[in-house]
Amino acid sequence: MPPTVFEYGDPRRRLLDVLRCPLCGDGLQASAGALRCGRRHTFDIARQGYVSLLTGDMRAGSADTGPMVGARDAFLGAGHYAPLARAVAEAAARRCGAGGTVLDAGAGTGYYLASVLDAAPDAVGLGLDASKFALRRAARAHPRAAAAVWDVWRDLPVRSASTDVLLNVFAPRNGPEFRRVLRPGGALVVVTPTPRHLGELRGAAGLLAVDAAKEERLARTLDAHFEVEDAGARELEYGLRLTPHEANDLVSMGPSARHVDPEDLVRRIAAMGSTVETTASFALAVYRPR
């Protein structure tokens, strides 16, 4: 039987050199199904494999629900965002190399982290997310990936200058902390939707529009700490042909799920016909620490 997470013989044990106690900042060691620091702060490892590091209250509505995660798992598993996963893996893997450490801040189900680890031999990855439902999948997304419950807006439970590549795909951005945990010469890979993303579906289904000021906010968040690589920014755009059920999963896995009535959504999508065509449009940028 292969070793479980953080046991001797498991490559993810190397992540103990990356993690730090969120209460006191000390290093963590694995023992008897938990992580513990020298001051005896203890964090249980769930039977699904993720560790709960978050203490205290979490912001209301910040974690994806079980139905949202189920919809995301189904939609991503069908391969609709595979071109994006390949682009993220290519950008991250060539900046990480063998034996590196990848941190995914807002990892969700671990879909993009797993793609990067497939492309980066011997690298290990840590996914942070506020949703225990997502982390149940992220903890098993790849043999070299571990997962922990965390709110990305808080100081990260990660040692300074310990990470080679940091992924941030459709997730909150904590510029000062991202800069702190990256090694000198490390890379931050950020993916955001463009204003054209799902434009046809948004109009027909009455969804939230992509915020036109999103890029400006991204710049404000990161500019003091990072600079964009000259060759690191690109857009990826392609058409999607979905069944009504797949279109429903696509809407239900994202923030619009909190603002639409499920029954009304089914009716609106059904009115679009047996095939729902829409545009997937993403901006991918690579940043280096200043």
Protein backbone atom coordinates (compact mmCIF):
# COMPACT_ATOMS: atom_id res chain seq x y z
CA MET A 1 0.00 0.00 0.00
CA PRO A 2 1.45 3.43 -0.92
CA PRO A 3 2.20 5.83 1.92
CA THR A 4 -0.44 8.38 2.88
CA VAL A 5 0.12 12.13 2.72
CA PHE A 6 3.17 13.42 4.66
CA GLU A 7 4.33 9.91 5.65
CA TYR A 8 7.89 8.75 5.01
CA GLY A 9 8.26 7.67 1.40
CA ASP A 10 5.57 10.05 0.14
CA PRO A 11 6.98 12.87 -2.06
CA ARG A 12 4.47 15.28 -0.51
CA ARG A 13 6.43 15.07 2.73
CA ARG A 14 8.73 17.70 1.18
CA LEU A 15 5.88 20.16 1.64
CA LEU A 16 6.54 20.12 5.39
CA ASP A 17 9.55 22.31 4.55
CA VAL A 18 7.12 24.78 2.98
CA LEU A 19 4.27 24.87 5.49
CA ARG A 20 4.31 26.86 8.71
CA CYS A 21 1.98 26.93 11.70
CA PRO A 22 -0.70 29.57 11.07
CA LEU A 23 -0.83 30.42 14.76
CA CYS A 24 2.84 30.90 15.67
CA GLY A 25 4.83 30.57 12.43
CA ASP A 26 6.84 27.54 13.55
CA GLY A 27 7.49 24.58 11.26
CA LEU A 28 5.09 21.64 11.14
CA GLN A 29 5.68 17.92 11.48
CA ALA A 30 3.36 15.01 10.70
CA SER A 31 2.34 12.69 13.53
CA ALA A 32 -0.63 10.39 14.12
CA GLY A 33 -2.94 11.80 11.47
CA ALA A 34 -2.21 15.45 12.17
CA LEU A 35 0.31 18.23 11.67
CA ARG A 36 1.88 19.70 14.79
CA CYS A 37 4.31 22.49 15.53
CA GLY A 38 6.84 22.70 18.35
CA ARG A 39 4.36 24.65 20.45
CA ARG A 40 1.85 21.78 20.15
CA HIS A 41 -0.62 23.56 17.90
CA THR A 42 -2.34 20.66 16.15
CA PHE A 43 -4.16 20.49 12.81
CA ASP A 44 -6.03 17.33 11.87
CA ILE A 45 -5.63 15.59 8.52
CA ALA A 46 -9.09 14.62 7.27
CA ARG A 47 -9.70 11.07 6.12
CA GLN A 48 -10.02 12.47 2.57
CA GLY A 49 -6.39 13.63 2.82
CA TYR A 50 -6.57 17.41 3.25
CA VAL A 51 -5.41 19.24 6.38
CA SER A 52 -7.50 21.93 8.05
CA LEU A 53 -5.18 24.81 8.95
CA LEU A 54 -7.83 27.53 9.16
CA THR A 55 -8.78 28.70 12.64
CA GLY A 56 -11.40 31.25 13.62
CA ASP A 57 -14.25 32.58 11.52
CA MET A 58 -14.21 32.62 7.73
CA ARG A 59 -15.80 35.31 5.58
CA ALA A 60 -19.46 34.47 4.86
CA GLY A 61 -20.03 33.15 1.35
CA SER A 62 -16.32 32.79 0.58
CA ALA A 63 -16.25 29.00 0.21
CA ASP A 64 -17.76 27.04 -2.67
CA THR A 65 -20.66 24.80 -1.70
CA GLY A 66 -20.97 21.09 -2.37
CA PRO A 67 -23.26 21.56 -5.40
CA MET A 68 -20.91 24.20 -6.87
CA VAL A 69 -17.95 21.86 -6.51
CA GLY A 70 -19.88 18.93 -7.97
CA ALA A 71 -20.80 21.02 -11.03
CA ARG A 72 -17.18 22.15 -11.44
CA ASP A 73 -15.85 18.63 -11.17
CA ALA A 74 -18.26 17.40 -13.83
CA PHE A 75 -17.61 20.30 -16.21
CA LEU A 76 -13.81 20.21 -15.92
CA GLY A 77 -13.82 16.42 -16.09
CA ALA A 78 -15.52 16.64 -19.49
CA GLY A 79 -12.46 18.49 -20.81
CA HIS A 80 -14.05 21.82 -21.74
CA TYR A 81 -11.25 23.82 -20.12
CA ALA A 82 -8.47 21.42 -21.12
CA PRO A 83 -6.88 24.02 -23.47
CA LEU A 84 -6.60 26.40 -20.53
CA ALA A 85 -5.16 23.69 -18.29
CA ARG A 86 -2.51 22.95 -20.92
CA ALA A 87 -1.62 26.65 -21.21
CA VAL A 88 -1.30 26.98 -17.42
CA ALA A 89 0.80 23.82 -17.23
CA GLU A 90 3.13 25.00 -20.00
CA ALA A 91 3.61 28.42 -18.41
CA ALA A 92 4.19 27.02 -14.93
CA ALA A 93 6.24 23.90 -15.66
CA ARG A 94 8.98 25.62 -17.62
CA ARG A 95 9.42 28.09 -14.78
CA CYS A 96 9.43 25.44 -12.09
CA GLY A 97 11.59 22.59 -13.29
CA ALA A 98 12.13 19.20 -11.71
CA GLY A 99 11.92 19.03 -7.96
CA GLY A 100 10.29 22.42 -7.52
CA THR A 101 7.37 23.52 -5.38
CA VAL A 102 4.06 24.77 -6.80
CA LEU A 103 1.50 26.61 -4.66
CA ASP A 104 -2.06 26.96 -5.95
CA ALA A 105 -3.85 29.78 -4.11
CA GLY A 106 -7.55 29.13 -4.60
CA ALA A 107 -7.01 25.62 -5.93
CA GLY A 108 -10.61 24.44 -6.09
CA THR A 109 -10.66 20.77 -7.03
CA GLY A 110 -6.94 20.80 -7.93
CA TYR A 111 -7.60 20.52 -11.67
CA TYR A 112 -5.00 23.07 -12.78
CA LEU A 113 -2.46 22.07 -10.11
CA ALA A 114 -2.63 18.47 -11.30
CA SER A 115 -2.00 19.56 -14.89
CA VAL A 116 1.09 21.49 -13.81
CA LEU A 117 2.45 18.56 -11.80
CA ASP A 118 1.93 16.25 -14.78
CA ALA A 119 4.15 18.62 -16.78
CA ALA A 120 6.76 19.21 -14.05
CA PRO A 121 8.53 15.93 -13.14
CA ASP A 122 9.21 15.46 -9.43
CA ALA A 123 7.69 18.82 -8.46
CA VAL A 124 5.30 18.82 -5.52
CA GLY A 125 2.24 21.00 -5.14
CA LEU A 126 0.12 22.46 -2.37
CA GLY A 127 -3.43 23.61 -2.99
CA LEU A 128 -5.08 26.12 -0.67
CA ASP A 129 -8.83 26.70 -0.72
CA ALA A 130 -11.59 27.71 1.68
CA SER A 131 -13.97 24.94 0.56
CA LYS A 132 -13.68 21.56 2.22
CA PHE A 133 -15.87 20.17 -0.55
CA ALA A 134 -13.31 21.23 -3.16
CA LEU A 135 -10.36 20.04 -1.09
CA ARG A 136 -11.77 16.53 -0.80
CA ARG A 137 -11.07 16.32 -4.52
CA ALA A 138 -7.90 18.43 -4.56
CA ALA A 139 -6.23 16.18 -1.98
CA ARG A 140 -6.56 13.29 -4.43
CA ALA A 141 -6.05 15.21 -7.66
CA HIS A 142 -2.42 14.11 -8.07
CA PRO A 143 0.03 11.79 -6.22
CA ARG A 144 2.38 14.75 -5.66
CA ALA A 145 -0.30 17.23 -4.49
CA ALA A 146 -1.47 18.01 -0.97
CA ALA A 147 -4.31 20.30 0.05
CA ALA A 148 -5.15 22.52 2.99
CA VAL A 149 -8.13 24.59 4.10
CA TRP A 150 -7.17 28.26 4.01
CA ASP A 151 -8.55 31.73 3.28
CA VAL A 152 -6.25 33.27 0.66
CA TRP A 153 -7.02 36.78 1.95
CA ARG A 154 -5.15 35.95 5.16
CA ASP A 155 -1.39 35.62 5.68
CA LEU A 156 -0.53 32.31 4.02
CA PRO A 157 0.54 29.32 6.15
CA VAL A 158 3.65 29.05 3.98
CA ARG A 159 7.28 29.92 4.70
CA SER A 160 8.82 32.96 3.06
CA ALA A 161 10.72 32.39 -0.21
CA SER A 162 9.73 28.72 -0.30
CA THR A 163 7.73 28.48 -3.54
CA ASP A 164 8.96 28.28 -7.15
CA VAL A 165 5.64 28.88 -8.90
CA LEU A 166 2.37 30.23 -7.56
CA LEU A 167 -0.88 29.60 -9.45
CA ASN A 168 -3.85 31.92 -9.18
CA VAL A 169 -6.67 30.80 -11.48
CA PHE A 170 -10.01 32.63 -11.10
CA ALA A 171 -9.19 33.21 -7.43
CA PRO A 172 -8.56 36.06 -4.97
CA ARG A 173 -5.15 37.73 -5.18
CA ASN A 174 -3.13 38.58 -2.09
CA GLY A 175 -0.23 40.51 -3.63
CA PRO A 176 1.94 41.05 -0.54
CA GLU A 177 1.66 37.44 0.56
CA PHE A 178 2.22 36.07 -2.94
CA ARG A 179 5.42 38.11 -3.09
CA ARG A 180 6.55 36.93 0.34
CA VAL A 181 6.23 33.20 -0.32
CA LEU A 182 7.85 33.18 -3.79
CA ARG A 183 11.56 32.51 -4.08
CA PRO A 184 13.74 35.13 -5.77
CA GLY A 185 13.21 34.52 -9.47
CA GLY A 186 9.95 32.68 -8.83
CA ALA A 187 6.86 33.11 -11.01
CA LEU A 188 3.22 33.98 -10.41
CA VAL A 189 0.81 32.60 -13.04
CA VAL A 190 -2.54 34.42 -13.06
CA VAL A 191 -5.65 33.55 -15.10
CA THR A 192 -8.67 35.86 -15.33
CA PRO A 193 -11.73 35.86 -17.62
CA THR A 194 -11.82 38.50 -20.33
CA PRO A 195 -14.98 40.61 -20.83
CA ARG A 196 -15.90 38.27 -23.72
CA HIS A 197 -15.89 35.16 -21.54
CA LEU A 198 -19.23 33.31 -21.84
CA GLY A 199 -20.74 36.43 -23.40
CA GLU A 200 -23.49 34.58 -25.29
CA LEU A 201 -24.44 32.47 -22.28
CA ARG A 202 -24.39 35.42 -19.90
CA GLY A 203 -26.88 37.35 -21.97
CA ALA A 204 -29.29 34.48 -22.53
CA ALA A 205 -29.15 33.12 -18.98
CA GLY A 206 -29.16 36.47 -17.20
CA LEU A 207 -25.77 35.99 -15.54
CA LEU A 208 -23.37 38.42 -13.93
CA ALA A 209 -21.20 40.27 -16.44
CA VAL A 210 -17.41 40.19 -16.20
CA ASP A 211 -16.40 43.36 -14.37
CA ALA A 212 -14.83 45.79 -16.84
CA ALA A 213 -12.60 47.14 -14.06
CA LYS A 214 -11.20 43.71 -13.23
CA GLU A 215 -7.87 44.30 -14.98
CA GLU A 216 -7.44 47.63 -13.24
CA ARG A 217 -8.02 46.00 -9.86
CA LEU A 218 -5.58 43.24 -10.74
CA ALA A 219 -2.93 45.82 -11.53
CA ARG A 220 -3.53 47.66 -8.26
CA THR A 221 -3.28 44.39 -6.34
CA LEU A 222 -0.03 43.21 -7.89
CA ASP A 223 1.91 46.18 -9.31
CA ALA A 224 3.64 47.12 -6.06
CA HIS A 225 5.03 43.62 -5.73
CA PHE A 226 5.32 42.16 -9.25
CA GLU A 227 6.08 43.02 -12.84
CA VAL A 228 4.67 41.27 -15.90
CA GLU A 229 7.09 39.24 -18.00
CA ASP A 230 7.36 40.70 -21.50
CA ALA A 231 6.54 37.36 -23.06
CA GLY A 232 4.30 36.17 -20.24
CA ALA A 233 0.90 37.67 -21.14
CA ARG A 234 -1.45 36.04 -23.63
CA GLU A 235 -5.12 35.53 -24.36
CA LEU A 236 -6.72 32.18 -25.04
CA GLU A 237 -10.11 32.11 -26.72
CA TYR A 238 -12.13 29.32 -28.30
CA GLY A 239 -15.72 28.22 -28.85
CA LEU A 240 -17.66 25.86 -26.61
CA ARG A 241 -20.47 23.59 -27.78
CA LEU A 242 -22.34 22.34 -24.74
CA THR A 243 -25.39 20.29 -23.91
CA PRO A 244 -27.95 22.10 -21.75
CA HIS A 245 -26.79 20.01 -18.77
CA GLU A 246 -23.16 21.02 -19.36
CA ALA A 247 -24.17 24.67 -19.68
CA ASN A 248 -26.01 24.39 -16.40
CA ASP A 249 -22.89 22.93 -14.76
CA LEU A 250 -20.80 25.77 -16.18
CA VAL A 251 -23.04 28.39 -14.60
CA SER A 252 -23.53 26.47 -11.37
CA MET A 253 -19.79 26.08 -10.71
CA GLY A 254 -19.05 29.81 -10.58
CA PRO A 255 -20.06 32.95 -8.68
CA SER A 256 -23.22 33.39 -10.76
CA ALA A 257 -24.61 30.33 -8.99
CA ARG A 258 -25.14 32.52 -5.92
CA HIS A 259 -27.26 35.01 -7.86
CA VAL A 260 -29.59 32.95 -10.09
CA ASP A 261 -32.60 30.83 -9.28
CA PRO A 262 -31.77 27.20 -10.25
CA GLU A 263 -35.18 26.52 -11.79
CA ASP A 264 -35.13 29.77 -13.76
CA LEU A 265 -31.63 28.90 -14.99
CA VAL A 266 -32.80 25.52 -16.30
CA ARG A 267 -35.65 27.19 -18.18
CA ARG A 268 -33.41 29.88 -19.70
CA ILE A 269 -30.81 27.38 -20.85
CA ALA A 270 -33.47 25.03 -22.28
CA ALA A 271 -34.72 27.93 -24.38
CA MET A 272 -31.27 28.12 -26.03
CA GLY A 273 -31.86 24.78 -27.76
CA SER A 274 -30.24 21.35 -27.71
CA THR A 275 -26.75 22.80 -28.22
CA VAL A 276 -25.50 25.82 -26.31
CA GLU A 277 -22.70 27.71 -28.06
CA THR A 278 -20.61 30.24 -26.17
CA THR A 279 -17.09 31.65 -26.05
CA ALA A 280 -14.40 30.72 -23.54
CA SER A 281 -12.01 33.66 -23.24
CA PHE A 282 -9.15 33.92 -20.75
CA ALA A 283 -6.18 36.17 -20.05
CA LEU A 284 -3.06 34.40 -18.77
CA ALA A 285 -0.19 36.48 -17.41
CA VAL A 286 3.12 35.55 -15.79
CA TYR A 287 4.58 37.86 -13.16
CA ARG A 288 8.00 38.07 -11.56
CA PRO A 289 8.63 39.47 -8.07
CA ARG A 290 10.02 43.00 -7.98
